[in-house]
Amino acid sequence: MHSQNKAYMGTKPYIFVSYSRKDSRIVYPLIEQLQGVGYRIWYDTGISKGSKWANVIKDKLRHCSIFLIFMSQNSNISLEVKRELIAAEFQYKKLVPVFLDNLNPQNISKEFAILKSLNAIEIRDFQIDLNELSDAIGRKTRDSEILRDVELIRLGFLPTIADFKSCEHNLTEKTKHNRLNKIVASYTGEDAQEYKIDNVFQLTSSESQAIFNLSEKNIDWMYRPEPVNLLSKTLVIEKSFVSPLRLLSSLASSYDDNWPPIVEAYSRLASLNDDSLTAQHYFSEFCWLSWGPSVETKFLLNDANCNFMVAQVSIGDEANSIPLILEKETWCNYFISNDKSLSESDIGWPMKLRGLKIVNSEKDPYFSELRNIPFFKNFFQSNPVALYLSKTQQSASASLEINASTRYYSTAYLWLILEQVDSTGKPDEEMKPGRVLPFFEHANLAFNESTRFLQECLARKAIYHVLNCAQGNSLFTHGIDGVKTVRYQYSTALFDEYMVSILRNEISKLKPYESMLVNEFLIIPECKDRRTATDVCRFADKLLHVVRESLPE
């Protein structure tokens, strides 16, 4: 069995683990259990390729503080385990035996005779009694909860405003760890009930690696009445922008920012089609998905099969965002209210958040209902870490605090989608790559004026594309099924209701003849007949599949 756990490689006091490889199926989960509560453990997976095994073992034994030996019928006859125990005994290391199976301590080999006089720790239900272990080895080889938490999210690793003022953009490792240790000290004490971060970038930054670190944390994923907090305290985020959105995986992220495969896929698709309009559609579809658009989540409020609402917490670009999961009741209490500062906008709000848990939305059984909704298919695999506002915080008036006087720069990738229709005026049954035409802009959501302006720009782009096709001023003068002119149907948009209103208003500003043409060649269906956010997610999945299928062997 291969262990996913990393051996401790630092300079602090640590535990040396001795065991038989034949017991690895039992031992590795036990090591994971101990590491999960902060014990610093070294074992033989820490020997790198090319190293001399015996020399590394000798060195690690010499510097360890505790010698923890997993005794079993297999280790009782293992020459390697016997040698390690003899060396540990010779160096007067503190010995802690753990018995894995029904091996009677009185029947162990003579080389292990010293263990008979020690209090052995037994395994019950494949778990070590941590209280019993702590009594046996003390806390010298165990990191505090605060230190583990702060190291997980790497507080102190990002440049501060003062650093930027002094042009110190690249912090040295020594500076980072000095700051981290000061932060740990500041949270040590009964008064420190919460961790505080300035904004969500502390979690999303590639410099902090917080999302990866948190997603890799070892947890026993059994069902609990509340989701597991990956930190020992709740979190306060001083500045954030909350929007009822979820991010789609972008083409660029799917290929690890390696653009050539995307370009190659488009080139092959375009060359397979003599129809220049289809090629143009593919081009716009690829561009739209490459940056990773968002879709709305407000429909969840009307889904009787879901008890959750999911939003997006960001600062700056929406790519620097993390999902926020709330109970529906919590969302409605705060965001659907008589408070004008909340109800006047459906786009988002600058907020201070507190009482947050950081949770594993991909693995925690508490969110299994949410993961089963088609809208979130594969979403939590690519977004395994989320924020959760605990039900116990619902009564706390400060858990969601509107910063009405403050505007944070927070963008969203605004988009509008048209679909090509056939001779009967109907689009395909499902959104189909090559038949869809997205228009898109980046907008600052924190200012309604800038968002509205770019929504108007999108509406005009769509209208004038349709008008050019209708007047024969476009390269695209033929449609589907032999139709001589191209016709479209409005499909949907980010913040759909706003966009339809703006679209109709912009059409009304045209000259009468142009308005007549647009109304003839652009169908705007009623709300119930438009595409849903789930439809858009499915289309994005299809388009990603088309990209993969179009790549050369």
Protein backbone atom coordinates (compact mmCIF):
# COMPACT_ATOMS: atom_id res chain seq x y z
CA MET A 1 0.00 0.00 0.00
CA HIS A 2 1.27 3.47 -0.92
CA SER A 3 1.02 6.21 1.74
CA GLN A 4 -0.35 9.64 0.80
CA ASN A 5 1.05 11.13 4.02
CA LYS A 6 4.28 13.08 4.02
CA ALA A 7 7.01 12.36 6.55
CA TYR A 8 8.03 15.31 8.74
CA MET A 9 11.24 16.88 7.42
CA GLY A 10 11.66 19.89 9.70
CA THR A 11 13.93 20.59 12.65
CA LYS A 12 11.40 20.48 15.51
CA PRO A 13 11.14 17.45 17.84
CA TYR A 14 9.49 14.54 16.03
CA ILE A 15 8.38 10.92 16.40
CA PHE A 16 10.25 8.15 14.59
CA VAL A 17 7.83 5.38 13.55
CA SER A 18 9.04 1.79 13.21
CA TYR A 19 6.77 -0.82 11.63
CA SER A 20 6.65 -3.78 9.27
CA ARG A 21 5.77 -2.90 5.68
CA LYS A 22 3.40 -5.90 5.73
CA ASP A 23 1.26 -3.88 8.20
CA SER A 24 1.16 -0.74 6.07
CA ARG A 25 -2.58 -1.14 5.36
CA ILE A 26 -3.20 -0.66 9.10
CA VAL A 27 -0.28 1.61 9.97
CA TYR A 28 -0.68 4.32 7.30
CA PRO A 29 -4.22 5.33 8.40
CA LEU A 30 -2.98 5.47 12.00
CA ILE A 31 -0.12 7.77 10.96
CA GLU A 32 -2.67 9.89 9.10
CA GLN A 33 -4.76 10.07 12.29
CA LEU A 34 -1.78 11.26 14.31
CA GLN A 35 -0.64 13.79 11.71
CA GLY A 36 -4.20 15.10 11.51
CA VAL A 37 -4.03 16.22 15.14
CA GLY A 38 -0.61 17.80 14.78
CA TYR A 39 1.97 15.13 15.65
CA ARG A 40 5.22 15.50 13.74
CA ILE A 41 6.02 12.04 12.44
CA TRP A 42 8.91 10.68 10.40
CA TYR A 43 8.78 7.23 8.81
CA ASP A 44 10.44 5.54 5.88
CA THR A 45 8.42 7.25 3.14
CA GLY A 46 10.64 10.25 3.93
CA ILE A 47 13.63 8.50 2.34
CA SER A 48 14.17 10.03 -1.10
CA LYS A 49 15.21 8.05 -4.14
CA GLY A 50 18.95 7.59 -4.43
CA SER A 51 19.56 7.96 -0.68
CA LYS A 52 21.30 5.25 1.29
CA TRP A 53 18.53 3.66 3.32
CA ALA A 54 20.65 2.64 6.34
CA ASN A 55 22.30 6.06 6.62
CA VAL A 56 18.97 7.92 6.57
CA ILE A 57 17.45 5.59 9.17
CA LYS A 58 20.49 6.06 11.40
CA ASP A 59 20.32 9.87 11.09
CA LYS A 60 16.56 10.10 11.73
CA LEU A 61 16.84 7.79 14.73
CA ARG A 62 19.64 9.87 16.21
CA HIS A 63 17.62 13.12 16.02
CA CYS A 64 14.15 11.86 16.96
CA SER A 65 12.56 12.58 20.38
CA ILE A 66 10.19 9.58 20.53
CA PHE A 67 10.51 6.06 19.11
CA LEU A 68 7.00 4.78 18.33
CA ILE A 69 6.95 1.09 17.38
CA PHE A 70 3.94 -0.67 15.89
CA MET A 71 4.15 -4.23 17.18
CA SER A 72 2.45 -7.14 15.41
CA GLN A 73 3.13 -10.69 14.41
CA ASN A 74 4.82 -9.28 11.30
CA SER A 75 7.09 -6.81 13.10
CA ASN A 76 7.89 -9.47 15.70
CA ILE A 77 9.87 -11.32 13.00
CA SER A 78 11.11 -8.30 11.03
CA LEU A 79 14.91 -7.87 11.05
CA GLU A 80 14.61 -4.16 10.12
CA VAL A 81 12.26 -3.42 13.01
CA LYS A 82 14.53 -5.31 15.42
CA ARG A 83 17.57 -3.31 14.27
CA GLU A 84 15.71 -0.01 14.67
CA LEU A 85 14.56 -0.91 18.20
CA ILE A 86 18.07 -1.96 19.27
CA ALA A 87 19.48 1.35 17.95
CA ALA A 88 16.76 3.37 19.71
CA GLU A 89 17.36 1.51 22.98
CA PHE A 90 21.12 2.05 22.69
CA GLN A 91 20.54 5.81 22.25
CA TYR A 92 18.16 5.93 25.25
CA LYS A 93 15.21 7.09 23.16
CA LYS A 94 11.81 7.13 24.82
CA LEU A 95 10.04 3.97 23.60
CA VAL A 96 6.27 3.87 22.99
CA PRO A 97 4.86 0.50 21.82
CA VAL A 98 1.51 0.22 20.01
CA PHE A 99 0.10 -3.28 19.51
CA LEU A 100 -1.78 -3.80 16.26
CA ASP A 101 -3.14 -7.32 16.56
CA ASN A 102 -3.62 -10.10 19.07
CA LEU A 103 0.10 -10.56 19.61
CA ASN A 104 0.54 -11.27 23.31
CA PRO A 105 3.23 -8.98 24.78
CA GLN A 106 4.55 -11.99 26.68
CA ASN A 107 5.15 -13.90 23.40
CA ILE A 108 7.31 -11.34 21.64
CA SER A 109 10.86 -12.14 20.50
CA LYS A 110 13.75 -11.67 22.90
CA GLU A 111 14.96 -8.62 20.94
CA PHE A 112 11.72 -6.89 21.96
CA ALA A 113 11.92 -7.95 25.61
CA ILE A 114 12.26 -4.36 26.83
CA LEU A 115 8.74 -3.63 25.58
CA LYS A 116 7.27 -6.03 28.15
CA SER A 117 8.00 -3.56 30.92
CA LEU A 118 6.33 -0.62 29.13
CA ASN A 119 2.68 0.41 29.07
CA ALA A 120 1.57 -0.60 25.60
CA ILE A 121 -1.09 1.32 23.69
CA GLU A 122 -3.73 -0.83 22.02
CA ILE A 123 -5.68 -0.19 18.84
CA ARG A 124 -9.46 -0.10 19.14
CA ASP A 125 -11.65 -0.01 16.01
CA PHE A 126 -8.55 0.85 13.95
CA GLN A 127 -8.01 4.08 15.94
CA ILE A 128 -5.40 5.12 18.49
CA ASP A 129 -6.70 6.53 21.77
CA LEU A 130 -5.22 10.01 21.47
CA ASN A 131 -5.57 10.78 25.16
CA GLU A 132 -3.66 7.62 26.02
CA LEU A 133 -0.99 8.48 23.44
CA SER A 134 -0.69 12.05 24.69
CA ASP A 135 -0.13 10.76 28.23
CA ALA A 136 2.61 8.46 26.90
CA ILE A 137 4.56 10.93 24.76
CA GLY A 138 3.55 14.42 25.90
CA ARG A 139 3.12 17.47 23.63
CA LYS A 140 6.73 18.13 22.68
CA THR A 141 6.31 16.50 19.25
CA ARG A 142 2.91 18.04 18.50
CA ASP A 143 2.11 21.38 16.86
CA SER A 144 -0.58 23.55 18.42
CA GLU A 145 -3.92 23.86 16.66
CA ILE A 146 -3.27 27.56 16.04
CA LEU A 147 0.09 26.88 14.43
CA ARG A 148 -1.43 24.18 12.20
CA ASP A 149 -4.25 26.51 11.16
CA VAL A 150 -2.00 29.48 10.43
CA GLU A 151 0.37 27.28 8.42
CA LEU A 152 -2.55 25.89 6.41
CA ILE A 153 -3.66 29.31 5.18
CA ARG A 154 -0.14 30.80 5.34
CA LEU A 155 -0.97 33.97 7.22
CA GLY A 156 1.91 36.39 6.87
CA PHE A 157 3.00 35.07 3.47
CA LEU A 158 1.39 37.81 1.35
CA PRO A 159 2.84 41.33 0.95
CA THR A 160 1.08 44.03 2.97
CA ILE A 161 0.20 47.58 1.92
CA ALA A 162 3.30 48.74 3.78
CA ASP A 163 5.39 46.29 1.72
CA PHE A 164 4.03 47.72 -1.53
CA LYS A 165 4.73 51.25 -0.37
CA SER A 166 8.35 50.29 0.26
CA CYS A 167 8.49 48.27 -3.02
CA GLU A 168 9.05 45.02 -1.07
CA HIS A 169 6.89 42.83 -3.30
CA ASN A 170 8.84 39.58 -2.91
CA LEU A 171 9.10 38.49 0.71
CA THR A 172 11.97 36.27 1.81
CA GLU A 173 11.18 32.91 3.40
CA LYS A 174 12.66 34.18 6.67
CA THR A 175 10.35 37.22 6.63
CA LYS A 176 7.30 35.06 5.89
CA HIS A 177 7.98 32.66 8.75
CA ASN A 178 8.82 35.44 11.19
CA ARG A 179 5.48 37.07 10.41
CA LEU A 180 3.70 33.73 10.65
CA ASN A 181 5.16 33.10 14.11
CA LYS A 182 4.09 36.57 15.30
CA ILE A 183 0.56 35.89 14.05
CA VAL A 184 0.50 32.55 15.88
CA ALA A 185 1.51 34.34 19.08
CA SER A 186 -1.22 36.94 18.59
CA TYR A 187 -3.91 34.26 18.40
CA THR A 188 -2.69 32.39 21.47
CA GLY A 189 -5.04 33.16 24.35
CA GLU A 190 -8.66 32.77 25.36
CA ASP A 191 -9.68 36.10 23.85
CA ALA A 192 -8.73 35.07 20.30
CA GLN A 193 -11.97 33.42 19.20
CA GLU A 194 -11.67 34.01 15.42
CA TYR A 195 -9.06 34.25 12.71
CA LYS A 196 -9.15 37.47 10.69
CA ILE A 197 -8.11 38.01 7.09
CA ASP A 198 -8.41 41.24 5.14
CA ASN A 199 -9.94 39.69 2.04
CA VAL A 200 -10.49 36.39 0.27
CA PHE A 201 -7.23 36.71 -1.68
CA GLN A 202 -5.48 35.22 1.37
CA LEU A 203 -7.25 31.96 0.49
CA THR A 204 -7.25 32.09 -3.32
CA SER A 205 -3.69 33.31 -3.88
CA SER A 206 -1.23 30.90 -5.48
CA GLU A 207 1.38 32.33 -3.11
CA SER A 208 -0.45 31.14 0.00
CA GLN A 209 -1.51 27.79 -1.51
CA ALA A 210 -4.30 27.87 1.11
CA ILE A 211 -6.96 26.18 -1.05
CA PHE A 212 -4.64 23.28 -1.87
CA ASN A 213 -3.45 22.93 1.74
CA LEU A 214 -7.00 22.94 3.09
CA SER A 215 -8.30 20.47 0.49
CA GLU A 216 -5.51 18.03 1.41
CA LYS A 217 -6.27 18.06 5.14
CA ASN A 218 -6.97 14.56 6.45
CA ILE A 219 -10.45 14.23 7.97
CA ASP A 220 -12.58 11.26 9.00
CA TRP A 221 -15.53 12.01 6.70
CA MET A 222 -18.44 10.67 8.73
CA TYR A 223 -21.80 12.47 8.79
CA ARG A 224 -22.15 15.16 11.45
CA PRO A 225 -25.02 17.55 12.23
CA GLU A 226 -22.81 20.46 11.06
CA PRO A 227 -20.05 20.47 8.43
CA VAL A 228 -16.47 20.05 9.62
CA ASN A 229 -14.54 23.29 10.03
CA LEU A 230 -11.08 22.77 8.51
CA LEU A 231 -9.74 25.31 11.03
CA SER A 232 -10.08 25.25 14.81
CA LYS A 233 -11.69 28.71 14.89
CA THR A 234 -14.22 30.53 12.73
CA LEU A 235 -13.07 33.12 10.21
CA VAL A 236 -13.67 36.83 9.70
CA ILE A 237 -13.23 38.35 6.23
CA GLU A 238 -13.03 42.11 6.58
CA LYS A 239 -13.64 43.02 2.92
CA SER A 240 -15.47 40.99 0.33
CA PHE A 241 -18.05 41.21 -2.43
CA VAL A 242 -20.89 38.66 -2.28
CA SER A 243 -22.76 37.79 -5.49
CA PRO A 244 -25.41 35.10 -6.20
CA LEU A 245 -23.10 33.43 -8.73
CA ARG A 246 -20.97 30.32 -9.33
CA LEU A 247 -17.93 30.20 -11.57
CA LEU A 248 -17.70 27.88 -14.57
CA SER A 249 -14.41 26.10 -15.17
CA SER A 250 -12.56 27.94 -17.90
CA LEU A 251 -10.89 26.40 -20.94
CA ALA A 252 -7.62 27.97 -19.85
CA SER A 253 -7.74 26.36 -16.40
CA SER A 254 -8.69 23.03 -17.97
CA TYR A 255 -5.42 23.10 -19.87
CA ASP A 256 -3.33 24.57 -17.05
CA ASP A 257 -3.01 27.89 -18.86
CA ASN A 258 -1.56 26.11 -21.89
CA TRP A 259 -3.26 27.95 -24.73
CA PRO A 260 -1.90 26.13 -27.82
CA PRO A 261 -4.27 23.11 -27.46
CA ILE A 262 -7.26 25.49 -27.35
CA VAL A 263 -6.05 27.35 -30.45
CA GLU A 264 -5.36 24.03 -32.23
CA ALA A 265 -8.85 22.74 -31.39
CA TYR A 266 -10.48 25.88 -32.78
CA SER A 267 -8.36 25.75 -35.93
CA ARG A 268 -9.40 22.17 -36.62
CA LEU A 269 -13.08 22.87 -35.97
CA ALA A 270 -13.08 25.96 -38.20
CA SER A 271 -11.36 24.09 -41.04
CA LEU A 272 -13.99 21.34 -40.89
CA ASN A 273 -16.77 23.84 -41.59
CA ASP A 274 -17.22 25.67 -44.87
CA ASP A 275 -19.81 27.77 -43.08
CA SER A 276 -18.06 30.95 -41.95
CA LEU A 277 -20.91 31.68 -39.50
CA THR A 278 -20.38 28.37 -37.67
CA ALA A 279 -16.66 29.13 -37.48
CA GLN A 280 -17.49 32.57 -36.04
CA HIS A 281 -19.80 30.97 -33.48
CA TYR A 282 -17.08 28.53 -32.41
CA PHE A 283 -14.63 31.40 -32.10
CA SER A 284 -16.96 33.39 -29.83
CA GLU A 285 -17.86 30.28 -27.81
CA PHE A 286 -14.18 29.46 -27.24
CA CYS A 287 -13.40 33.02 -26.19
CA TRP A 288 -16.42 33.12 -23.88
CA LEU A 289 -15.45 29.89 -22.09
CA SER A 290 -11.71 30.57 -22.06
CA TRP A 291 -11.97 33.20 -19.34
CA GLY A 292 -14.37 31.28 -17.11
CA PRO A 293 -17.79 32.98 -16.96
CA SER A 294 -20.16 32.80 -13.99
CA VAL A 295 -23.81 31.78 -13.88
CA GLU A 296 -26.54 32.80 -11.45
CA THR A 297 -27.57 30.67 -8.49
CA LYS A 298 -30.77 32.43 -7.38
CA PHE A 299 -32.93 29.66 -8.88
CA LEU A 300 -31.82 27.46 -5.94
CA LEU A 301 -34.15 29.48 -3.72
CA ASN A 302 -37.12 27.97 -5.61
CA ASP A 303 -35.72 24.41 -5.67
CA ALA A 304 -37.69 22.38 -3.12
CA ASN A 305 -35.08 19.60 -3.29
CA CYS A 306 -32.26 21.82 -2.05
CA ASN A 307 -31.88 23.39 1.38
CA PHE A 308 -28.85 25.48 0.43
CA MET A 309 -27.99 28.68 -1.35
CA VAL A 310 -24.56 29.08 -2.95
CA ALA A 311 -22.96 32.46 -3.65
CA GLN A 312 -19.56 33.77 -4.68
CA VAL A 313 -17.23 35.69 -2.35
CA SER A 314 -14.59 37.67 -4.22
CA ILE A 315 -12.32 40.67 -4.20
CA GLY A 316 -11.12 42.13 -7.48
CA ASP A 317 -11.61 39.64 -10.33
CA GLU A 318 -14.20 36.87 -9.95
CA ALA A 319 -11.43 34.38 -10.68
CA ASN A 320 -10.19 35.28 -7.17
CA SER A 321 -13.36 33.95 -5.60
CA ILE A 322 -14.47 31.15 -3.32
CA PRO A 323 -17.97 29.62 -2.96
CA LEU A 324 -20.08 30.62 0.02
CA ILE A 325 -22.66 28.05 1.15
CA LEU A 326 -25.56 29.10 3.36
CA GLU A 327 -28.83 27.60 4.45
CA LYS A 328 -31.69 29.11 2.42
CA GLU A 329 -33.17 30.57 5.59
CA THR A 330 -29.95 32.45 6.27
CA TRP A 331 -29.81 33.88 2.76
CA CYS A 332 -33.44 34.98 2.84
CA ASN A 333 -33.02 36.60 6.27
CA TYR A 334 -30.19 38.77 5.03
CA PHE A 335 -30.63 39.25 1.29
CA ILE A 336 -34.39 39.19 0.73
CA SER A 337 -35.53 41.77 3.22
CA ASN A 338 -37.10 45.16 3.58
CA ASP A 339 -33.66 46.67 4.04
CA LYS A 340 -33.19 48.88 0.98
CA SER A 341 -29.41 48.46 1.03
CA LEU A 342 -29.93 44.77 0.36
CA SER A 343 -33.06 44.56 -1.74
CA GLU A 344 -32.22 47.25 -4.30
CA SER A 345 -29.65 45.04 -6.03
CA ASP A 346 -29.59 41.43 -7.13
CA ILE A 347 -26.04 41.70 -8.43
CA GLY A 348 -24.02 41.78 -5.22
CA TRP A 349 -23.03 43.55 -2.05
CA PRO A 350 -19.77 44.71 -0.43
CA MET A 351 -19.71 42.94 2.94
CA LYS A 352 -17.82 42.02 6.08
CA LEU A 353 -18.32 38.34 6.86
CA ARG A 354 -17.79 36.70 10.23
CA GLY A 355 -18.56 33.39 11.90
CA LEU A 356 -17.46 31.53 8.77
CA LYS A 357 -16.32 27.94 8.64
CA ILE A 358 -13.91 26.79 5.94
CA VAL A 359 -15.29 23.46 4.71
CA ASN A 360 -14.51 20.72 2.21
CA SER A 361 -17.53 20.94 -0.09
CA GLU A 362 -16.31 18.02 -2.20
CA LYS A 363 -16.02 15.41 0.57
CA ASP A 364 -18.08 16.47 3.58
CA PRO A 365 -21.25 14.29 3.76
CA TYR A 366 -23.16 17.34 5.02
CA PHE A 367 -23.17 18.71 1.45
CA SER A 368 -24.04 15.46 -0.38
CA GLU A 369 -27.50 16.83 -1.25
CA LEU A 370 -25.89 19.87 -2.87
CA ARG A 371 -23.39 17.79 -4.86
CA ASN A 372 -26.22 15.70 -6.32
CA ILE A 373 -27.88 18.70 -8.00
CA PRO A 374 -27.08 18.60 -11.77
CA PHE A 375 -26.23 22.32 -11.66
CA PHE A 376 -23.24 21.48 -9.45
CA LYS A 377 -22.03 18.46 -11.41
CA ASN A 378 -18.21 18.48 -11.17
CA PHE A 379 -18.29 21.97 -9.61
CA PHE A 380 -17.08 20.96 -6.17
CA GLN A 381 -14.38 18.74 -7.65
CA SER A 382 -12.71 21.84 -9.07
CA ASN A 383 -13.79 23.96 -6.05
CA PRO A 384 -13.24 21.58 -3.12
CA VAL A 385 -12.94 24.32 -0.49
CA ALA A 386 -15.80 26.66 0.36
CA LEU A 387 -16.97 29.05 3.05
CA TYR A 388 -19.98 28.12 5.15
CA LEU A 389 -22.02 30.39 7.38
CA SER A 390 -22.94 28.15 10.29
CA LYS A 391 -26.54 27.85 11.40
CA THR A 392 -25.37 28.79 14.88
CA GLN A 393 -24.37 32.20 13.47
CA GLN A 394 -27.77 33.01 11.98
CA SER A 395 -28.87 34.98 15.02
CA ALA A 396 -25.64 36.98 15.20
CA SER A 397 -26.42 40.40 13.75
CA ALA A 398 -22.80 40.98 12.70
CA SER A 399 -22.32 37.72 10.78
CA LEU A 400 -23.18 39.49 7.51
CA GLU A 401 -22.48 43.20 7.62
CA ILE A 402 -23.22 45.44 4.65
CA ASN A 403 -20.51 48.03 4.00
CA ALA A 404 -22.91 50.50 2.46
CA SER A 405 -20.44 53.36 2.35
CA THR A 406 -17.61 51.32 0.85
CA ARG A 407 -17.18 50.15 -2.72
CA TYR A 408 -14.79 47.31 -3.49
CA TYR A 409 -13.51 46.68 -6.98
CA SER A 410 -15.13 43.35 -7.85
CA THR A 411 -15.70 42.26 -11.42
CA ALA A 412 -17.87 39.71 -13.16
CA TYR A 413 -17.68 38.44 -16.67
CA LEU A 414 -20.98 39.81 -18.04
CA TRP A 415 -22.35 37.88 -20.99
CA LEU A 416 -25.35 37.56 -23.26
CA ILE A 417 -26.07 34.53 -25.49
CA LEU A 418 -27.96 34.30 -28.77
CA GLU A 419 -28.82 31.01 -30.47
CA GLN A 420 -29.28 30.42 -34.18
CA VAL A 421 -32.80 29.22 -35.06
CA ASP A 422 -34.06 27.04 -37.92
CA SER A 423 -36.69 27.79 -40.58
CA THR A 424 -39.50 27.36 -38.03
CA GLY A 425 -37.95 29.90 -35.71
CA LYS A 426 -36.89 27.31 -33.15
CA PRO A 427 -33.42 26.72 -31.69
CA ASP A 428 -31.95 23.26 -31.08
CA GLU A 429 -33.53 21.24 -28.29
CA GLU A 430 -30.36 21.77 -26.24
CA MET A 431 -27.70 24.43 -26.64
CA LYS A 432 -25.33 23.14 -29.29
CA PRO A 433 -21.69 24.17 -29.92
CA GLY A 434 -21.41 25.98 -33.25
CA ARG A 435 -24.96 27.38 -33.03
CA VAL A 436 -24.42 29.70 -30.07
CA LEU A 437 -23.16 33.28 -30.19
CA PRO A 438 -22.00 34.77 -26.86
CA PHE A 439 -21.17 38.44 -26.30
CA PHE A 440 -19.16 39.35 -23.21
CA GLU A 441 -17.58 42.15 -21.19
CA HIS A 442 -15.86 42.51 -17.81
CA ALA A 443 -17.76 44.82 -15.48
CA ASN A 444 -17.20 46.30 -12.04
CA LEU A 445 -20.13 44.87 -10.05
CA ALA A 446 -19.55 47.15 -7.09
CA PHE A 447 -20.81 50.12 -9.10
CA ASN A 448 -24.26 49.70 -10.61
CA GLU A 449 -23.53 52.45 -13.10
CA SER A 450 -20.57 50.67 -14.70
CA THR A 451 -22.42 47.35 -14.73
CA ARG A 452 -25.42 48.93 -16.41
CA PHE A 453 -23.21 50.67 -18.99
CA LEU A 454 -21.54 47.40 -20.05
CA GLN A 455 -24.87 45.58 -20.14
CA GLU A 456 -26.02 48.25 -22.59
CA CYS A 457 -22.83 47.66 -24.62
CA LEU A 458 -23.59 43.95 -24.79
CA ALA A 459 -27.17 44.62 -25.89
CA ARG A 460 -25.95 46.90 -28.69
CA LYS A 461 -23.38 44.34 -29.87
CA ALA A 462 -26.06 41.66 -30.12
CA ILE A 463 -28.57 43.99 -31.80
CA TYR A 464 -26.16 45.27 -34.45
CA HIS A 465 -24.94 41.75 -35.25
CA VAL A 466 -28.56 40.72 -35.91
CA LEU A 467 -29.21 43.93 -37.87
CA ASN A 468 -26.15 43.43 -40.08
CA CYS A 469 -27.20 39.85 -40.83
CA ALA A 470 -30.77 40.93 -41.61
CA GLN A 471 -29.59 43.72 -43.95
CA GLY A 472 -27.12 41.51 -45.76
CA ASN A 473 -24.21 43.65 -44.56
CA SER A 474 -22.56 40.69 -42.89
CA LEU A 475 -20.43 37.85 -44.22
CA PHE A 476 -23.05 35.61 -42.64
CA THR A 477 -25.99 35.79 -45.03
CA HIS A 478 -27.36 32.26 -44.82
CA GLY A 479 -28.88 30.32 -41.97
CA ILE A 480 -29.94 26.80 -41.08
CA ASP A 481 -31.99 24.47 -43.29
CA GLY A 482 -31.55 26.56 -46.42
CA VAL A 483 -32.89 29.74 -44.83
CA LYS A 484 -31.39 32.61 -46.78
CA THR A 485 -30.90 34.90 -43.80
CA VAL A 486 -29.63 34.25 -40.30
CA ARG A 487 -32.14 34.41 -37.48
CA TYR A 488 -31.47 34.25 -33.75
CA GLN A 489 -33.25 33.77 -30.47
CA TYR A 490 -32.20 35.44 -27.26
CA SER A 491 -31.11 32.55 -25.07
CA THR A 492 -30.15 33.93 -21.65
CA ALA A 493 -27.62 36.20 -19.94
CA LEU A 494 -25.94 36.84 -16.66
CA PHE A 495 -28.56 38.76 -14.66
CA ASP A 496 -31.13 37.73 -17.25
CA GLU A 497 -34.08 39.93 -16.26
CA TYR A 498 -31.97 43.08 -16.28
CA MET A 499 -30.53 42.18 -19.67
CA VAL A 500 -33.90 41.57 -21.34
CA SER A 501 -35.13 44.92 -20.09
CA ILE A 502 -32.02 46.66 -21.45
CA LEU A 503 -32.23 44.76 -24.74
CA ARG A 504 -35.83 45.81 -25.35
CA ASN A 505 -34.98 49.40 -24.44
CA GLU A 506 -32.03 49.50 -26.86
CA ILE A 507 -34.18 48.07 -29.68
CA SER A 508 -36.74 50.81 -29.07
CA LYS A 509 -34.04 53.44 -29.70
CA LEU A 510 -33.41 52.20 -33.27
CA LYS A 511 -34.85 53.80 -36.36
CA PRO A 512 -38.32 52.36 -37.10
CA TYR A 513 -37.10 50.27 -40.08
CA GLU A 514 -34.13 48.91 -38.11
CA SER A 515 -36.33 48.14 -35.12
CA MET A 516 -38.73 46.22 -37.38
CA LEU A 517 -35.85 44.16 -38.84
CA VAL A 518 -34.40 43.30 -35.44
CA ASN A 519 -37.79 42.25 -34.10
CA GLU A 520 -38.21 40.02 -37.18
CA PHE A 521 -34.78 38.40 -36.97
CA LEU A 522 -34.33 38.28 -33.18
CA ILE A 523 -36.82 36.37 -31.06
CA ILE A 524 -36.97 37.31 -27.36
CA PRO A 525 -38.99 34.58 -25.62
CA GLU A 526 -40.82 34.84 -22.33
CA CYS A 527 -38.88 34.05 -19.16
CA LYS A 528 -40.22 30.49 -18.89
CA ASP A 529 -38.97 29.67 -22.41
CA ARG A 530 -35.41 30.92 -21.95
CA ARG A 531 -32.40 28.81 -21.17
CA THR A 532 -31.62 28.19 -17.51
CA ALA A 533 -28.32 28.39 -15.63
CA THR A 534 -28.22 24.58 -15.67
CA ASP A 535 -28.59 24.64 -19.48
CA VAL A 536 -25.60 26.99 -19.70
CA CYS A 537 -23.53 24.67 -17.47
CA ARG A 538 -24.39 21.71 -19.71
CA PHE A 539 -23.46 23.71 -22.79
CA ALA A 540 -20.09 24.61 -21.24
CA ASP A 541 -19.47 20.90 -20.56
CA LYS A 542 -20.37 20.04 -24.16
CA LEU A 543 -18.07 22.73 -25.51
CA LEU A 544 -15.21 21.46 -23.36
CA HIS A 545 -15.88 17.97 -24.72
CA VAL A 546 -15.80 19.33 -28.29
CA VAL A 547 -12.42 20.92 -27.57
CA ARG A 548 -11.00 17.63 -26.32
CA GLU A 549 -12.44 15.69 -29.26
CA SER A 550 -10.95 18.21 -31.71
CA LEU A 551 -7.40 17.87 -30.45
CA PRO A 552 -5.01 15.88 -32.62
CA GLU A 553 -4.06 12.37 -31.53
